[in-house]
Protein backbone atom coordinates (compact mmCIF):
# COMPACT_ATOMS: atom_id res chain seq x y z
CA MET A 1 48.38 -22.12 -4.70
CA MET A 2 45.77 -19.41 -2.94
CA MET A 3 42.24 -19.30 -3.96
CA LYS A 4 40.11 -16.80 -3.20
CA LEU A 5 36.38 -17.05 -2.92
CA ARG A 6 34.28 -14.44 -5.40
CA PRO A 7 30.01 -14.20 -3.93
CA HIS A 8 27.99 -17.35 -4.57
CA ALA A 9 30.89 -19.43 -4.02
CA SER A 10 31.42 -20.28 -0.59
CA THR A 11 29.18 -23.39 -0.46
CA LEU A 12 31.81 -24.56 -2.59
CA LEU A 13 34.67 -24.07 0.14
CA ALA A 14 34.58 -28.02 1.30
CA ALA A 15 34.14 -29.04 -2.61
CA LEU A 16 36.32 -27.75 -3.55
CA THR A 17 39.08 -27.85 -0.61
CA ALA A 18 37.90 -32.05 -1.13
CA ALA A 19 38.94 -31.89 -5.19
CA LEU A 20 41.78 -29.82 -4.65
CA LEU A 21 43.35 -32.22 -1.77
CA ALA A 22 42.22 -35.54 -4.88
CA ALA A 23 44.32 -34.30 -6.81
CA CYS A 24 47.48 -33.71 -5.09
CA SER A 25 48.44 -37.12 -5.88
CA THR A 26 49.09 -35.54 -9.37
CA PRO A 27 52.78 -33.08 -9.96
CA GLY A 28 51.18 -30.02 -9.29
CA THR A 29 47.89 -28.96 -7.83
CA ARG A 30 44.56 -28.78 -9.82
CA VAL A 31 41.53 -27.35 -8.84
CA VAL A 32 37.66 -28.33 -10.62
CA LEU A 33 34.39 -25.52 -10.18
CA LEU A 34 31.45 -27.73 -9.05
CA PRO A 35 27.72 -26.50 -8.80
CA GLN A 36 25.33 -25.20 -7.11
CA ALA A 37 23.23 -27.55 -5.87
CA ASP A 38 20.26 -24.79 -6.53
CA ASP A 39 22.46 -23.87 -9.52
CA LYS A 40 23.32 -20.15 -9.00
CA PRO A 41 26.24 -18.95 -10.92
CA SER A 42 29.57 -19.11 -8.47
CA ALA A 43 33.36 -18.27 -9.23
CA VAL A 44 36.42 -18.71 -7.50
CA VAL A 45 39.71 -17.04 -8.35
CA VAL A 46 42.64 -19.69 -8.17
CA ARG A 47 46.03 -17.78 -8.24
CA ALA A 48 49.45 -19.08 -8.51
CA LYS A 49 53.01 -17.49 -8.00
CA ASP A 50 53.20 -15.83 -11.08
CA GLY A 51 49.29 -15.24 -12.55
CA GLU A 52 45.76 -16.03 -11.20
CA GLU A 53 42.05 -17.51 -13.42
CA VAL A 54 38.95 -17.08 -12.77
CA LEU A 55 36.76 -20.30 -12.96
CA PHE A 56 33.20 -19.65 -13.24
CA ARG A 57 31.19 -22.38 -15.90
CA PRO A 58 30.71 -25.24 -13.37
CA TYR A 59 33.67 -28.23 -14.06
CA GLN A 60 35.79 -25.96 -15.31
CA ARG A 61 39.53 -26.76 -13.65
CA ALA A 62 42.89 -25.06 -13.78
CA THR A 63 45.92 -26.74 -13.22
CA ALA A 64 49.07 -25.53 -12.04
CA ALA A 65 52.38 -27.56 -12.53
CA VAL A 66 55.26 -28.38 -10.06
CA GLY A 67 57.90 -25.66 -11.13
CA ALA A 68 55.79 -23.99 -14.06
CA SER A 69 56.02 -20.00 -14.96
CA GLY A 70 52.27 -18.23 -15.93
CA ALA A 71 48.61 -18.69 -14.63
CA PRO A 72 46.79 -21.40 -14.27
CA VAL A 73 45.83 -23.58 -17.25
CA VAL A 74 42.71 -23.74 -17.13
CA ASP A 75 40.01 -26.41 -19.20
CA GLN A 76 36.78 -27.63 -19.30
CA ALA A 77 36.70 -31.85 -16.92
CA ASP A 78 34.64 -34.09 -18.22
CA SER A 79 31.17 -33.76 -15.32
CA ALA A 80 30.89 -37.83 -15.91
CA LYS A 81 34.31 -38.49 -15.14
CA VAL A 82 34.88 -35.71 -12.43
CA ARG A 83 31.33 -36.81 -10.81
CA ALA A 84 32.82 -40.51 -10.78
CA GLU A 85 36.30 -40.46 -9.36
CA ASN A 86 35.02 -37.92 -6.45
CA LYS A 87 31.70 -40.24 -6.43
CA ALA A 88 32.29 -39.94 -2.16
CA LEU A 89 32.86 -36.03 -2.62
CA PHE A 90 29.22 -35.95 -4.41
CA ASP A 91 27.51 -38.69 -2.06
CA MET A 92 28.41 -36.06 1.07
CA ARG A 93 26.85 -33.09 -0.52
CA PRO A 94 24.26 -31.39 1.10
CA PRO A 95 20.48 -31.64 -0.18
CA PRO A 96 19.49 -28.56 -1.53
CA PRO A 97 17.64 -25.70 0.19
CA GLN A 98 13.73 -26.58 0.46
CA ARG A 99 11.49 -22.66 -0.58
CA TYR A 100 8.04 -21.85 0.82
CA THR A 101 5.97 -18.56 0.78
CA VAL A 102 3.38 -17.77 3.07
CA PHE A 103 1.26 -14.85 2.59
CA PHE A 104 -0.19 -11.94 4.38
CA ASP A 105 -4.02 -10.16 4.54
CA ALA A 106 -3.35 -5.98 3.47
CA GLY A 107 -1.17 -3.88 6.21
CA GLY A 108 -0.77 -6.72 8.39
CA THR A 109 1.08 -9.67 9.80
CA THR A 110 -1.52 -11.59 9.36
CA LEU A 111 -1.11 -15.00 7.59
CA THR A 112 -3.65 -15.64 5.23
CA PRO A 113 -5.48 -19.24 6.06
CA ALA A 114 -3.70 -21.12 2.77
CA SER A 115 -0.42 -20.29 4.39
CA GLN A 116 -0.84 -21.67 7.36
CA GLN A 117 -0.24 -25.24 5.85
CA VAL A 118 2.80 -24.31 4.00
CA MET A 119 3.90 -23.28 7.32
CA ASN A 120 3.25 -26.54 9.04
CA GLU A 121 5.04 -27.82 5.72
CA ALA A 122 7.74 -26.02 6.56
CA LEU A 123 8.16 -26.17 9.85
CA VAL A 124 8.55 -30.25 9.52
CA ALA A 125 10.75 -30.13 6.67
CA ALA A 126 13.08 -27.82 9.15
CA GLN A 127 12.98 -30.69 11.38
CA THR A 128 13.64 -33.39 9.92
CA ARG A 129 16.85 -31.77 8.04
CA SER A 130 19.61 -33.05 10.38
CA GLY A 131 21.51 -29.33 11.40
CA SER A 132 18.61 -27.49 9.37
CA ASP A 133 18.86 -23.80 9.67
CA ILE A 134 16.27 -21.33 7.80
CA VAL A 135 16.56 -18.23 6.58
CA VAL A 136 13.13 -16.03 6.38
CA THR A 137 12.63 -12.80 4.42
CA GLY A 138 9.84 -10.49 4.61
CA HIS A 139 8.46 -8.81 1.58
CA THR A 140 5.55 -5.26 1.12
CA ASP A 141 3.57 -4.63 -1.61
CA THR A 142 4.23 -0.88 -2.84
CA LYS A 143 0.80 0.22 -0.61
CA GLY A 144 2.36 2.79 1.81
CA ALA A 145 5.73 4.82 2.36
CA LEU A 146 8.68 2.66 1.44
CA GLU A 147 10.07 3.29 5.73
CA GLN A 148 6.84 1.83 6.84
CA ASN A 149 7.00 -1.12 4.29
CA ASP A 150 10.29 -2.11 5.42
CA MET A 151 9.32 -1.94 9.03
CA LEU A 152 6.15 -4.05 7.96
CA SER A 153 8.11 -6.64 6.52
CA GLN A 154 10.32 -6.78 8.94
CA ARG A 155 7.50 -7.30 11.72
CA ARG A 156 5.78 -10.92 9.40
CA ALA A 157 9.65 -12.68 9.03
CA GLN A 158 9.85 -11.73 12.74
CA GLU A 159 5.76 -13.34 13.34
CA VAL A 160 7.13 -16.25 10.89
CA VAL A 161 9.85 -16.14 13.01
CA GLN A 162 8.01 -16.42 16.05
CA LEU A 163 5.56 -19.24 14.82
CA PHE A 164 8.78 -21.47 14.09
CA ILE A 165 10.46 -20.89 17.84
CA ASP A 166 6.97 -21.66 19.48
CA ARG A 167 7.06 -24.83 18.07
CA GLN A 168 10.32 -25.71 19.12
CA PHE A 169 12.46 -24.80 16.75
CA PRO A 170 15.66 -23.00 18.18
CA ALA A 171 15.84 -19.62 17.61
CA LYS A 172 19.72 -18.99 17.31
CA ARG A 173 19.60 -21.67 13.78
CA ILE A 174 16.86 -18.97 12.45
CA GLU A 175 17.94 -15.79 10.67
CA ALA A 176 15.46 -12.70 9.64
CA VAL A 177 14.98 -9.89 7.39
CA GLY A 178 12.99 -7.41 5.64
CA ARG A 179 12.89 -6.32 2.42
CA GLY A 180 10.44 -4.19 1.83
CA GLU A 181 9.00 -3.36 -1.42
CA ARG A 182 12.85 -3.96 -3.02
CA GLU A 183 12.17 -7.53 -4.19
CA LEU A 184 8.68 -7.71 -5.89
CA ALA A 185 7.26 -11.28 -7.26
CA VAL A 186 4.57 -9.19 -9.65
CA SER A 187 5.81 -5.81 -10.90
CA THR A 188 3.59 -3.30 -10.16
CA ALA A 189 3.76 0.57 -9.96
CA ASP A 190 3.93 2.65 -6.91
CA GLU A 191 0.95 2.44 -4.04
CA VAL A 192 -0.48 -0.91 -5.83
CA ASP A 193 -2.64 -3.31 -3.62
CA GLU A 194 -1.21 -6.93 -5.02
CA PRO A 195 -1.54 -9.77 -2.31
CA ARG A 196 1.33 -12.26 -4.39
CA ASN A 197 3.43 -9.43 -3.27
CA ARG A 198 2.43 -9.17 0.56
CA ARG A 199 4.99 -12.29 2.04
CA VAL A 200 7.91 -14.09 3.42
CA THR A 201 10.05 -16.39 1.83
CA ILE A 202 11.32 -19.35 3.76
CA GLU A 203 14.49 -21.44 3.13
CA VAL A 204 15.25 -24.17 5.33
CA ARG A 205 18.69 -25.00 4.35
């Protein structure tokens, strides 16, 4: 049987593989879709010789018996039973990502005073989480041209990255992107000064 991951399912690969191997003691192959730690939607295509099925709900199960024709048979597994039978697998799952948001003064890359403390909290979380990496995403409000805000959001993200580097967090484990005014925390019209949109989100995972 072949498995093809869909968007948002990549973090399930190890868990799905373990579940697949655990099921090989029975005649055939079985795949159970496990929930993501942050409850984001996920899906996986389970492909057999003569067809395929898409699992998209947590604890959906696809089974293909040895020698059977057609697509895998899909049903809903009992979540408590799956967890009990695969306790070691669930115990190995990494903790969910930790998320922080810092805010900036208008038009620049200066953190607000309150955000300095949030930065300290994010740094402690990153340093104490074994093998952690960080995703930093910069945002702006709708004041100014779209292209200018794209660049400003990137500068804000890089400012936060540099703060982590200055405090000895490895640069190679930080990813930074700028989203400009495309993903507003608070929906506004164009050319609106909104402090809650002038932000950088930090995901420690």
